[in-house]
PDB file of N, CA and C in Angstrom:
ATOM      1  N   MET A   1       0.845  -1.169   0.000  1.00  0.00           N
ATOM      2  CA  MET A   1       0.000   0.000   0.000  1.00  0.00           C
ATOM      3  C   MET A   1       0.894   1.237   0.000  1.00  0.00           C
ATOM      4  N   LYS A   2       0.490   2.233  -0.759  1.00  0.00           N
ATOM      5  CA  LYS A   2       1.245   3.477  -0.813  1.00  0.00           C
ATOM      6  C   LYS A   2       0.718   4.448   0.237  1.00  0.00           C
ATOM      7  N   TYR A   3       1.655   5.196   0.825  1.00  0.00           N
ATOM      8  CA  TYR A   3       1.334   6.208   1.818  1.00  0.00           C
ATOM      9  C   TYR A   3       2.023   7.513   1.449  1.00  0.00           C
ATOM     10  N   LEU A   4       1.304   8.616   1.604  1.00  0.00           N
ATOM     11  CA  LEU A   4       1.906   9.930   1.531  1.00  0.00           C
ATOM     12  C   LEU A   4       2.348  10.269   2.945  1.00  0.00           C
ATOM     13  N   MET A   5       3.614  10.562   3.096  1.00  0.00           N
ATOM     14  CA  MET A   5       4.170  10.919   4.392  1.00  0.00           C
ATOM     15  C   MET A   5       4.460  12.413   4.358  1.00  0.00           C
ATOM     16  N   LEU A   6       3.643  13.191   5.055  1.00  0.00           N
ATOM     17  CA  LEU A   6       3.868  14.628   5.146  1.00  0.00           C
ATOM     18  C   LEU A   6       4.816  14.906   6.299  1.00  0.00           C
ATOM     19  N   VAL A   7       5.899  15.578   6.006  1.00  0.00           N
ATOM     20  CA  VAL A   7       6.917  15.891   6.994  1.00  0.00           C
ATOM     21  C   VAL A   7       6.655  17.314   7.474  1.00  0.00           C
ATOM     22  N   CYS A   8       6.311  17.448   8.753  1.00  0.00           N
ATOM     23  CA  CYS A   8       5.922  18.750   9.308  1.00  0.00           C
ATOM     24  C   CYS A   8       6.935  19.189  10.357  1.00  0.00           C
ATOM     25  N   VAL A   9       7.278  20.451  10.304  1.00  0.00           N
ATOM     26  CA  VAL A   9       8.222  21.022  11.251  1.00  0.00           C
ATOM     27  C   VAL A   9       7.456  21.902  12.231  1.00  0.00           C
ATOM     28  N   ASP A  10       7.865  21.862  13.477  1.00  0.00           N
ATOM     29  CA  ASP A  10       7.296  22.730  14.509  1.00  0.00           C
ATOM     30  C   ASP A  10       8.297  23.863  14.716  1.00  0.00           C
ATOM     31  N   PRO A  11       7.996  25.062  14.237  1.00  0.00           N
ATOM     32  CA  PRO A  11       8.967  26.154  14.346  1.00  0.00           C
ATOM     33  C   PRO A  11       9.264  26.567  15.775  1.00  0.00           C
ATOM     34  N   ASP A  12       8.419  26.183  16.725  1.00  0.00           N
ATOM     35  CA  ASP A  12       8.643  26.530  18.127  1.00  0.00           C
ATOM     36  C   ASP A  12       9.492  25.505  18.871  1.00  0.00           C
ATOM     37  N   HIS A  13       9.769  24.362  18.236  1.00  0.00           N
ATOM     38  CA  HIS A  13      10.540  23.301  18.895  1.00  0.00           C
ATOM     39  C   HIS A  13      12.027  23.539  18.694  1.00  0.00           C
ATOM     40  N   THR A  14      12.770  23.493  19.780  1.00  0.00           N
ATOM     41  CA  THR A  14      14.222  23.614  19.711  1.00  0.00           C
ATOM     42  C   THR A  14      14.813  22.297  20.178  1.00  0.00           C
ATOM     43  N   PRO A  15      15.331  21.487  19.237  1.00  0.00           N
ATOM     44  CA  PRO A  15      15.894  20.197  19.633  1.00  0.00           C
ATOM     45  C   PRO A  15      17.170  20.365  20.447  1.00  0.00           C
ATOM     46  N   GLY A  16      17.380  19.417  21.371  1.00  0.00           N
ATOM     47  CA  GLY A  16      18.611  19.406  22.145  1.00  0.00           C
ATOM     48  C   GLY A  16      19.774  18.929  21.284  1.00  0.00           C
ATOM     49  N   GLN A  17      20.974  19.229  21.713  1.00  0.00           N
ATOM     50  CA  GLN A  17      22.153  18.862  20.928  1.00  0.00           C
ATOM     51  C   GLN A  17      22.306  17.360  20.772  1.00  0.00           C
ATOM     52  N   ASP A  18      22.021  16.590  21.817  1.00  0.00           N
ATOM     53  CA  ASP A  18      22.181  15.139  21.689  1.00  0.00           C
ATOM     54  C   ASP A  18      20.883  14.427  22.063  1.00  0.00           C
ATOM     55  N   ASP A  19      19.812  14.796  21.377  1.00  0.00           N
ATOM     56  CA  ASP A  19      18.515  14.205  21.690  1.00  0.00           C
ATOM     57  C   ASP A  19      18.337  12.820  21.065  1.00  0.00           C
ATOM     58  N   GLY A  20      19.298  12.361  20.288  1.00  0.00           N
ATOM     59  CA  GLY A  20      19.236  11.017  19.724  1.00  0.00           C
ATOM     60  C   GLY A  20      18.478  10.909  18.425  1.00  0.00           C
ATOM     61  N   ALA A  21      18.037  12.021  17.869  1.00  0.00           N
ATOM     62  CA  ALA A  21      17.302  11.974  16.602  1.00  0.00           C
ATOM     63  C   ALA A  21      18.209  11.464  15.491  1.00  0.00           C
ATOM     64  N   PRO A  22      17.675  10.622  14.612  1.00  0.00           N
ATOM     65  CA  PRO A  22      18.478  10.106  13.508  1.00  0.00           C
ATOM     66  C   PRO A  22      18.798  11.202  12.495  1.00  0.00           C
ATOM     67  N   ASP A  23      19.782  10.949  11.668  1.00  0.00           N
ATOM     68  CA  ASP A  23      20.180  11.863  10.608  1.00  0.00           C
ATOM     69  C   ASP A  23      19.307  11.616   9.382  1.00  0.00           C
ATOM     70  N   VAL A  24      18.825  12.678   8.757  1.00  0.00           N
ATOM     71  CA  VAL A  24      17.908  12.522   7.626  1.00  0.00           C
ATOM     72  C   VAL A  24      18.578  11.820   6.447  1.00  0.00           C
ATOM     73  N   GLU A  25      19.850  12.086   6.203  1.00  0.00           N
ATOM     74  CA  GLU A  25      20.536  11.414   5.099  1.00  0.00           C
ATOM     75  C   GLU A  25      20.617   9.903   5.339  1.00  0.00           C
ATOM     76  N   ASP A  26      20.830   9.516   6.598  1.00  0.00           N
ATOM     77  CA  ASP A  26      20.847   8.085   6.934  1.00  0.00           C
ATOM     78  C   ASP A  26      19.473   7.465   6.721  1.00  0.00           C
ATOM     79  N   TRP A  27      18.412   8.189   7.103  1.00  0.00           N
ATOM     80  CA  TRP A  27      17.047   7.696   6.921  1.00  0.00           C
ATOM     81  C   TRP A  27      16.740   7.507   5.442  1.00  0.00           C
ATOM     82  N   VAL A  28      17.100   8.484   4.619  1.00  0.00           N
ATOM     83  CA  VAL A  28      16.857   8.391   3.180  1.00  0.00           C
ATOM     84  C   VAL A  28      17.620   7.208   2.592  1.00  0.00           C
ATOM     85  N   GLU A  29      18.873   7.076   2.950  1.00  0.00           N
ATOM     86  CA  GLU A  29      19.689   5.973   2.422  1.00  0.00           C
ATOM     87  C   GLU A  29      19.095   4.617   2.806  1.00  0.00           C
ATOM     88  N   GLU A  30      18.669   4.479   4.064  1.00  0.00           N
ATOM     89  CA  GLU A  30      18.105   3.208   4.526  1.00  0.00           C
ATOM     90  C   GLU A  30      16.785   2.878   3.827  1.00  0.00           C
ATOM     91  N   THR A  31      15.876   3.857   3.762  1.00  0.00           N
ATOM     92  CA  THR A  31      14.570   3.581   3.164  1.00  0.00           C
ATOM     93  C   THR A  31      14.656   3.415   1.654  1.00  0.00           C
ATOM     94  N   ASP A  32      15.551   4.164   1.010  1.00  0.00           N
ATOM     95  CA  ASP A  32      15.777   3.964  -0.429  1.00  0.00           C
ATOM     96  C   ASP A  32      16.355   2.580  -0.684  1.00  0.00           C
ATOM     97  N   GLY A  33      17.280   2.177   0.160  1.00  0.00           N
ATOM     98  CA  GLY A  33      17.918   0.870   0.005  1.00  0.00           C
ATOM     99  C   GLY A  33      16.952  -0.290   0.162  1.00  0.00           C
ATOM    100  N   LYS A  34      15.950  -0.106   1.016  1.00  0.00           N
ATOM    101  CA  LYS A  34      14.939  -1.150   1.222  1.00  0.00           C
ATOM    102  C   LYS A  34      13.828  -1.092   0.175  1.00  0.00           C
ATOM    103  N   GLY A  35      13.820  -0.046  -0.661  1.00  0.00           N
ATOM    104  CA  GLY A  35      12.763   0.113  -1.651  1.00  0.00           C
ATOM    105  C   GLY A  35      11.449   0.586  -1.068  1.00  0.00           C
ATOM    106  N   VAL A  36      11.468   1.091   0.156  1.00  0.00           N
ATOM    107  CA  VAL A  36      10.254   1.551   0.833  1.00  0.00           C
ATOM    108  C   VAL A  36       9.913   2.973   0.408  1.00  0.00           C
ATOM    109  N   ARG A  37      10.919   3.813   0.280  1.00  0.00           N
ATOM    110  CA  ARG A  37      10.716   5.218  -0.119  1.00  0.00           C
ATOM    111  C   ARG A  37      10.771   5.286  -1.634  1.00  0.00           C
ATOM    112  N   LEU A  38       9.642   5.637  -2.237  1.00  0.00           N
ATOM    113  CA  LEU A  38       9.558   5.700  -3.693  1.00  0.00           C
ATOM    114  C   LEU A  38      10.038   7.040  -4.227  1.00  0.00           C
ATOM    115  N   MET A  39       9.784   8.102  -3.481  1.00  0.00           N
ATOM    116  CA  MET A  39      10.273   9.434  -3.833  1.00  0.00           C
ATOM    117  C   MET A  39      10.027  10.361  -2.673  1.00  0.00           C
ATOM    118  N   GLY A  40      10.661  11.504  -2.701  1.00  0.00           N
ATOM    119  CA  GLY A  40      10.444  12.502  -1.670  1.00  0.00           C
ATOM    120  C   GLY A  40      11.185  13.768  -2.017  1.00  0.00           C
ATOM    121  N   SER A  41      10.789  14.846  -1.348  1.00  0.00           N
ATOM    122  CA  SER A  41      11.430  16.122  -1.597  1.00  0.00           C
ATOM    123  C   SER A  41      11.074  17.091  -0.489  1.00  0.00           C
ATOM    124  N   ARG A  42      11.924  18.088  -0.328  1.00  0.00           N
ATOM    125  CA  ARG A  42      11.583  19.200   0.551  1.00  0.00           C
ATOM    126  C   ARG A  42      10.625  20.107  -0.210  1.00  0.00           C
ATOM    127  N   THR A  43       9.892  20.924   0.514  1.00  0.00           N
ATOM    128  CA  THR A  43       9.037  21.919  -0.116  1.00  0.00           C
ATOM    129  C   THR A  43       9.484  23.304   0.336  1.00  0.00           C
ATOM    130  N   ARG A  44       9.139  24.289  -0.450  1.00  0.00           N
ATOM    131  CA  ARG A  44       9.437  25.669  -0.086  1.00  0.00           C
ATOM    132  C   ARG A  44       8.606  26.021   1.146  1.00  0.00           C
ATOM    133  N   PRO A  45       8.977  27.074   1.884  1.00  0.00           N
ATOM    134  CA  PRO A  45       8.235  27.431   3.096  1.00  0.00           C
ATOM    135  C   PRO A  45       6.797  27.863   2.801  1.00  0.00           C
ATOM    136  N   ALA A  46       5.970  27.833   3.826  1.00  0.00           N
ATOM    137  CA  ALA A  46       4.561  28.192   3.693  1.00  0.00           C
ATOM    138  C   ALA A  46       4.391  29.593   3.121  1.00  0.00           C
ATOM    139  N   SER A  47       5.342  30.472   3.371  1.00  0.00           N
ATOM    140  CA  SER A  47       5.243  31.837   2.842  1.00  0.00           C
ATOM    141  C   SER A  47       5.280  31.856   1.314  1.00  0.00           C
ATOM    142  N   ASP A  48       5.775  30.786   0.689  1.00  0.00           N
ATOM    143  CA  ASP A  48       5.819  30.684  -0.771  1.00  0.00           C
ATOM    144  C   ASP A  48       4.603  29.955  -1.349  1.00  0.00           C
ATOM    145  N   ALA A  49       3.706  29.501  -0.494  1.00  0.00           N
ATOM    146  CA  ALA A  49       2.545  28.735  -0.957  1.00  0.00           C
ATOM    147  C   ALA A  49       1.511  29.653  -1.602  1.00  0.00           C
ATOM    148  N   THR A  50       0.731  29.079  -2.496  1.00  0.00           N
ATOM    149  CA  THR A  50      -0.437  29.742  -3.082  1.00  0.00           C
ATOM    150  C   THR A  50      -1.604  28.776  -2.962  1.00  0.00           C
ATOM    151  N   THR A  51      -2.693  29.233  -2.371  1.00  0.00           N
ATOM    152  CA  THR A  51      -3.891  28.419  -2.233  1.00  0.00           C
ATOM    153  C   THR A  51      -4.876  28.822  -3.315  1.00  0.00           C
ATOM    154  N   VAL A  52      -5.419  27.823  -4.024  1.00  0.00           N
ATOM    155  CA  VAL A  52      -6.338  28.050  -5.131  1.00  0.00           C
ATOM    156  C   VAL A  52      -7.717  27.518  -4.756  1.00  0.00           C
ATOM    157  N   ARG A  53      -8.735  28.345  -4.922  1.00  0.00           N
ATOM    158  CA  ARG A  53     -10.124  27.947  -4.724  1.00  0.00           C
ATOM    159  C   ARG A  53     -10.932  28.471  -5.907  1.00  0.00           C
ATOM    160  N   VAL A  54     -11.973  27.763  -6.254  1.00  0.00           N
ATOM    161  CA  VAL A  54     -12.925  28.264  -7.250  1.00  0.00           C
ATOM    162  C   VAL A  54     -14.273  28.356  -6.556  1.00  0.00           C
ATOM    163  N   ARG A  55     -14.855  29.546  -6.547  1.00  0.00           N
ATOM    164  CA  ARG A  55     -16.162  29.787  -5.951  1.00  0.00           C
ATOM    165  C   ARG A  55     -16.989  30.569  -6.971  1.00  0.00           C
ATOM    166  N   ASN A  56     -18.167  30.042  -7.246  1.00  0.00           N
ATOM    167  CA  ASN A  56     -19.039  30.686  -8.243  1.00  0.00           C
ATOM    168  C   ASN A  56     -18.289  30.927  -9.553  1.00  0.00           C
ATOM    169  N   ARG A  57     -17.499  29.932  -9.955  1.00  0.00           N
ATOM    170  CA  ARG A  57     -16.727  29.958 -11.204  1.00  0.00           C
ATOM    171  C   ARG A  57     -15.614  30.997 -11.221  1.00  0.00           C
ATOM    172  N   GLU A  58     -15.327  31.593 -10.086  1.00  0.00           N
ATOM    173  CA  GLU A  58     -14.254  32.570  -9.998  1.00  0.00           C
ATOM    174  C   GLU A  58     -13.063  31.936  -9.280  1.00  0.00           C
ATOM    175  N   VAL A  59     -11.887  32.092  -9.866  1.00  0.00           N
ATOM    176  CA  VAL A  59     -10.663  31.567  -9.258  1.00  0.00           C
ATOM    177  C   VAL A  59     -10.193  32.560  -8.202  1.00  0.00           C
ATOM    178  N   LEU A  60     -10.085  32.071  -6.981  1.00  0.00           N
ATOM    179  CA  LEU A  60      -9.637  32.895  -5.860  1.00  0.00           C
ATOM    180  C   LEU A  60      -8.268  32.412  -5.410  1.00  0.00           C
ATOM    181  N   LEU A  61      -7.331  33.307  -5.285  1.00  0.00           N
ATOM    182  CA  LEU A  61      -5.975  32.964  -4.870  1.00  0.00           C
ATOM    183  C   LEU A  61      -5.665  33.606  -3.538  1.00  0.00           C
ATOM    184  N   THR A  62      -4.979  32.852  -2.696  1.00  0.00           N
ATOM    185  CA  THR A  62      -4.529  33.360  -1.411  1.00  0.00           C
ATOM    186  C   THR A  62      -3.044  33.054  -1.287  1.00  0.00           C
ATOM    187  N   ASP A  63      -2.269  34.060  -0.912  1.00  0.00           N
ATOM    188  CA  ASP A  63      -0.859  33.810  -0.637  1.00  0.00           C
ATOM    189  C   ASP A  63      -0.760  33.075   0.682  1.00  0.00           C
ATOM    190  N   GLY A  64       0.023  32.017   0.690  1.00  0.00           N
ATOM    191  CA  GLY A  64       0.227  31.270   1.916  1.00  0.00           C
ATOM    192  C   GLY A  64      -0.590  29.992   1.951  1.00  0.00           C
ATOM    193  N   PRO A  65      -0.451  29.248   3.030  1.00  0.00           N
ATOM    194  CA  PRO A  65      -1.132  27.945   3.142  1.00  0.00           C
ATOM    195  C   PRO A  65      -2.621  28.099   3.389  1.00  0.00           C
ATOM    196  N   TYR A  66      -3.347  27.023   3.125  1.00  0.00           N
ATOM    197  CA  TYR A  66      -4.800  26.994   3.302  1.00  0.00           C
ATOM    198  C   TYR A  66      -5.181  27.191   4.765  1.00  0.00           C
ATOM    199  N   ALA A  67      -4.515  26.484   5.648  1.00  0.00           N
ATOM    200  CA  ALA A  67      -4.883  26.522   7.066  1.00  0.00           C
ATOM    201  C   ALA A  67      -3.786  27.191   7.880  1.00  0.00           C
ATOM    202  N   GLU A  68      -4.195  27.955   8.868  1.00  0.00           N
ATOM    203  CA  GLU A  68      -3.239  28.495   9.824  1.00  0.00           C
ATOM    204  C   GLU A  68      -2.880  27.362  10.777  1.00  0.00           C
ATOM    205  N   THR A  69      -1.630  27.064  10.866  1.00  0.00           N
ATOM    206  CA  THR A  69      -1.206  25.949  11.700  1.00  0.00           C
ATOM    207  C   THR A  69       0.170  26.222  12.258  1.00  0.00           C
ATOM    208  N   LYS A  70       0.439  25.681  13.422  1.00  0.00           N
ATOM    209  CA  LYS A  70       1.762  25.836  14.018  1.00  0.00           C
ATOM    210  C   LYS A  70       2.762  24.943  13.299  1.00  0.00           C
ATOM    211  N   ASP A  71       2.344  23.713  12.989  1.00  0.00           N
ATOM    212  CA  ASP A  71       3.222  22.788  12.279  1.00  0.00           C
ATOM    213  C   ASP A  71       3.115  23.072  10.789  1.00  0.00           C
ATOM    214  N   LEU A  72       4.236  23.231  10.122  1.00  0.00           N
ATOM    215  CA  LEU A  72       4.271  23.569   8.710  1.00  0.00           C
ATOM    216  C   LEU A  72       4.846  22.420   7.906  1.00  0.00           C
ATOM    217  N   ILE A  73       4.260  22.154   6.739  1.00  0.00           N
ATOM    218  CA  ILE A  73       4.768  21.084   5.880  1.00  0.00           C
ATOM    219  C   ILE A  73       6.127  21.502   5.330  1.00  0.00           C
ATOM    220  N   ALA A  74       7.112  20.671   5.563  1.00  0.00           N
ATOM    221  CA  ALA A  74       8.470  20.953   5.112  1.00  0.00           C
ATOM    222  C   ALA A  74       8.873  20.056   3.952  1.00  0.00           C
ATOM    223  N   GLY A  75       8.135  18.971   3.754  1.00  0.00           N
ATOM    224  CA  GLY A  75       8.467  18.045   2.681  1.00  0.00           C
ATOM    225  C   GLY A  75       7.512  16.881   2.684  1.00  0.00           C
ATOM    226  N   PHE A  76       7.794  15.932   1.807  1.00  0.00           N
ATOM    227  CA  PHE A  76       6.936  14.761   1.689  1.00  0.00           C
ATOM    228  C   PHE A  76       7.766  13.589   1.190  1.00  0.00           C
ATOM    229  N   ASP A  77       7.252  12.412   1.441  1.00  0.00           N
ATOM    230  CA  ASP A  77       7.807  11.182   0.888  1.00  0.00           C
ATOM    231  C   ASP A  77       6.638  10.296   0.507  1.00  0.00           C
ATOM    232  N   ILE A  78       6.825   9.483  -0.492  1.00  0.00           N
ATOM    233  CA  ILE A  78       5.844   8.472  -0.854  1.00  0.00           C
ATOM    234  C   ILE A  78       6.450   7.129  -0.487  1.00  0.00           C
ATOM    235  N   LEU A  79       5.734   6.398   0.344  1.00  0.00           N
ATOM    236  CA  LEU A  79       6.212   5.117   0.847  1.00  0.00           C
ATOM    237  C   LEU A  79       5.391   3.983   0.243  1.00  0.00           C
ATOM    238  N   GLU A  80       6.032   2.849   0.057  1.00  0.00           N
ATOM    239  CA  GLU A  80       5.345   1.613  -0.329  1.00  0.00           C
ATOM    240  C   GLU A  80       5.576   0.646   0.820  1.00  0.00           C
ATOM    241  N   CYS A  81       4.516   0.398   1.577  1.00  0.00           N
ATOM    242  CA  CYS A  81       4.619  -0.441   2.771  1.00  0.00           C
ATOM    243  C   CYS A  81       3.546  -1.526   2.731  1.00  0.00           C
ATOM    244  N   ALA A  82       3.795  -2.603   3.448  1.00  0.00           N
ATOM    245  CA  ALA A  82       2.839  -3.707   3.509  1.00  0.00           C
ATOM    246  C   ALA A  82       1.542  -3.272   4.178  1.00  0.00           C
ATOM    247  N   ASP A  83       1.658  -2.414   5.199  1.00  0.00           N
ATOM    248  CA  ASP A  83       0.478  -1.989   5.949  1.00  0.00           C
ATOM    249  C   ASP A  83       0.825  -0.760   6.766  1.00  0.00           C
ATOM    250  N   LEU A  84      -0.153  -0.254   7.512  1.00  0.00           N
ATOM    251  CA  LEU A  84       0.048   0.946   8.318  1.00  0.00           C
ATOM    252  C   LEU A  84       1.124   0.734   9.376  1.00  0.00           C
ATOM    253  N   ASP A  85       1.199  -0.449   9.947  1.00  0.00           N
ATOM    254  CA  ASP A  85       2.219  -0.706  10.968  1.00  0.00           C
ATOM    255  C   ASP A  85       3.620  -0.492  10.416  1.00  0.00           C
ATOM    256  N   GLU A  86       3.875  -0.976   9.201  1.00  0.00           N
ATOM    257  CA  GLU A  86       5.194  -0.772   8.598  1.00  0.00           C
ATOM    258  C   GLU A  86       5.421   0.707   8.301  1.00  0.00           C
ATOM    259  N   ALA A  87       4.395   1.402   7.808  1.00  0.00           N
ATOM    260  CA  ALA A  87       4.527   2.836   7.526  1.00  0.00           C
ATOM    261  C   ALA A  87       4.839   3.617   8.804  1.00  0.00           C
ATOM    262  N   ILE A  88       4.205   3.246   9.904  1.00  0.00           N
ATOM    263  CA  ILE A  88       4.478   3.900  11.190  1.00  0.00           C
ATOM    264  C   ILE A  88       5.920   3.641  11.614  1.00  0.00           C
ATOM    265  N   GLU A  89       6.384   2.427  11.450  1.00  0.00           N
ATOM    266  CA  GLU A  89       7.765   2.105  11.809  1.00  0.00           C
ATOM    267  C   GLU A  89       8.747   2.947  11.003  1.00  0.00           C
ATOM    268  N   VAL A  90       8.517   3.049   9.705  1.00  0.00           N
ATOM    269  CA  VAL A  90       9.393   3.842   8.835  1.00  0.00           C
ATOM    270  C   VAL A  90       9.339   5.314   9.246  1.00  0.00           C
ATOM    271  N   ALA A  91       8.134   5.850   9.444  1.00  0.00           N
ATOM    272  CA  ALA A  91       7.979   7.260   9.792  1.00  0.00           C
ATOM    273  C   ALA A  91       8.599   7.589  11.146  1.00  0.00           C
ATOM    274  N   SER A  92       8.532   6.659  12.085  1.00  0.00           N
ATOM    275  CA  SER A  92       9.056   6.919  13.429  1.00  0.00           C
ATOM    276  C   SER A  92      10.571   7.061  13.443  1.00  0.00           C
ATOM    277  N   LYS A  93      11.225   6.605  12.385  1.00  0.00           N
ATOM    278  CA  LYS A  93      12.683   6.709  12.295  1.00  0.00           C
ATOM    279  C   LYS A  93      13.136   7.984  11.589  1.00  0.00           C
ATOM    280  N   HIS A  94      12.192   8.787  11.084  1.00  0.00           N
ATOM    281  CA  HIS A  94      12.536  10.042  10.414  1.00  0.00           C
ATOM    282  C   HIS A  94      12.831  11.102  11.478  1.00  0.00           C
ATOM    283  N   PRO A  95      13.862  11.922  11.279  1.00  0.00           N
ATOM    284  CA  PRO A  95      14.212  12.930  12.286  1.00  0.00           C
ATOM    285  C   PRO A  95      13.083  13.879  12.644  1.00  0.00           C
ATOM    286  N   MET A  96      12.210  14.195  11.698  1.00  0.00           N
ATOM    287  CA  MET A  96      11.149  15.149  12.016  1.00  0.00           C
ATOM    288  C   MET A  96      10.076  14.546  12.915  1.00  0.00           C
ATOM    289  N   ALA A  97      10.057  13.234  13.075  1.00  0.00           N
ATOM    290  CA  ALA A  97       9.175  12.638  14.077  1.00  0.00           C
ATOM    291  C   ALA A  97       9.640  13.057  15.472  1.00  0.00           C
ATOM    292  N   TRP A  98      10.918  13.372  15.586  1.00  0.00           N
ATOM    293  CA  TRP A  98      11.511  13.788  16.861  1.00  0.00           C
ATOM    294  C   TRP A  98      11.365  15.293  17.099  1.00  0.00           C
ATOM    295  N   HIS A  99      11.323  16.079  16.022  1.00  0.00           N
ATOM    296  CA  HIS A  99      11.350  17.538  16.150  1.00  0.00           C
ATOM    297  C   HIS A  99      10.076  18.214  15.659  1.00  0.00           C
ATOM    298  N   GLY A 100       9.231  17.491  14.974  1.00  0.00           N
ATOM    299  CA  GLY A 100       8.003  18.062  14.416  1.00  0.00           C
ATOM    300  C   GLY A 100       6.909  17.021  14.468  1.00  0.00           C
ATOM    301  N   ALA A 101       6.418  16.650  13.304  1.00  0.00           N
ATOM    302  CA  ALA A 101       5.383  15.618  13.223  1.00  0.00           C
ATOM    303  C   ALA A 101       5.416  15.000  11.835  1.00  0.00           C
ATOM    304  N   ILE A 102       4.991  13.758  11.764  1.00  0.00           N
ATOM    305  CA  ILE A 102       4.857  13.050  10.496  1.00  0.00           C
ATOM    306  C   ILE A 102       3.389  12.646  10.369  1.00  0.00           C
ATOM    307  N   GLU A 103       2.781  13.009   9.255  1.00  0.00           N
ATOM    308  CA  GLU A 103       1.402  12.603   8.988  1.00  0.00           C
ATOM    309  C   GLU A 103       1.415  11.577   7.872  1.00  0.00           C
ATOM    310  N   LEU A 104       0.794  10.438   8.110  1.00  0.00           N
ATOM    311  CA  LEU A 104       0.695   9.378   7.107  1.00  0.00           C
ATOM    312  C   LEU A 104      -0.715   9.343   6.542  1.00  0.00           C
ATOM    313  N   ARG A 105      -0.809   9.361   5.226  1.00  0.00           N
ATOM    314  CA  ARG A 105      -2.117   9.246   4.567  1.00  0.00           C
ATOM    315  C   ARG A 105      -2.035   8.161   3.516  1.00  0.00           C
ATOM    316  N   PRO A 106      -2.863   7.121   3.650  1.00  0.00           N
ATOM    317  CA  PRO A 106      -2.857   6.079   2.622  1.00  0.00           C
ATOM    318  C   PRO A 106      -3.423   6.619   1.319  1.00  0.00           C
ATOM    319  N   PHE A 107      -2.862   6.153   0.207  1.00  0.00           N
ATOM    320  CA  PHE A 107      -3.422   6.506  -1.092  1.00  0.00           C
ATOM    321  C   PHE A 107      -4.780   5.852  -1.222  1.00  0.00           C
ATOM    322  N   TRP A 108      -5.670   6.484  -1.934  1.00  0.00           N
ATOM    323  CA  TRP A 108      -6.994   5.949  -2.187  1.00  0.00           C
ATOM    324  C   TRP A 108      -6.898   5.106  -3.447  1.00  0.00           C
ATOM    325  N   PRO A 109      -7.084   3.780  -3.325  1.00  0.00           N
ATOM    326  CA  PRO A 109      -6.958   2.921  -4.513  1.00  0.00           C
ATOM    327  C   PRO A 109      -7.962   3.331  -5.599  1.00  0.00           C
ATOM    328  N   ASP A 110      -7.525   3.256  -6.857  1.00  0.00           N
ATOM    329  CA  ASP A 110      -8.368   3.657  -7.985  1.00  0.00           C
ATOM    330  C   ASP A 110      -9.651   2.839  -8.077  1.00  0.00           C
ATOM    331  N   ASP A 111      -9.619   1.605  -7.577  1.00  0.00           N
ATOM    332  CA  ASP A 111     -10.797   0.728  -7.716  1.00  0.00           C
ATOM    333  C   ASP A 111     -11.796   0.874  -6.562  1.00  0.00           C
ATOM    334  N   GLU A 112     -11.561   1.827  -5.644  1.00  0.00           N
ATOM    335  CA  GLU A 112     -12.493   2.060  -4.539  1.00  0.00           C
ATOM    336  C   GLU A 112     -13.170   3.409  -4.716  1.00  0.00           C
ATOM    337  N   ASP A 113     -14.437   3.467  -4.306  1.00  0.00           N
ATOM    338  CA  ASP A 113     -15.156   4.762  -4.340  1.00  0.00           C
ATOM    339  C   ASP A 113     -15.204   5.371  -2.972  1.00  0.00           C
TER     340      ASP A 113
END
């Protein structure tokens, strides 16, 4: 099953120098090596976001993210895991699980409504 892993940073969190968080390059190398991480990338900051809505056939644009939130999306990864338990295990080893938050969303299979 494929999962979208949203990597969120908490701008108010200050990690300790030796808090034991894994290194992101090590995480990428390990998950790529296992074939679990299909792709991923950092994203530009929320200040660079543009939100698009159409209301009454009019395109409305807003600078910035859709929702006001303390945790900001910093990147994403697409995972291929056997189940949610495996996806949780993979996500728990990402450094931002220690300093921010990781949100896992399963892909909606094309054959389901």
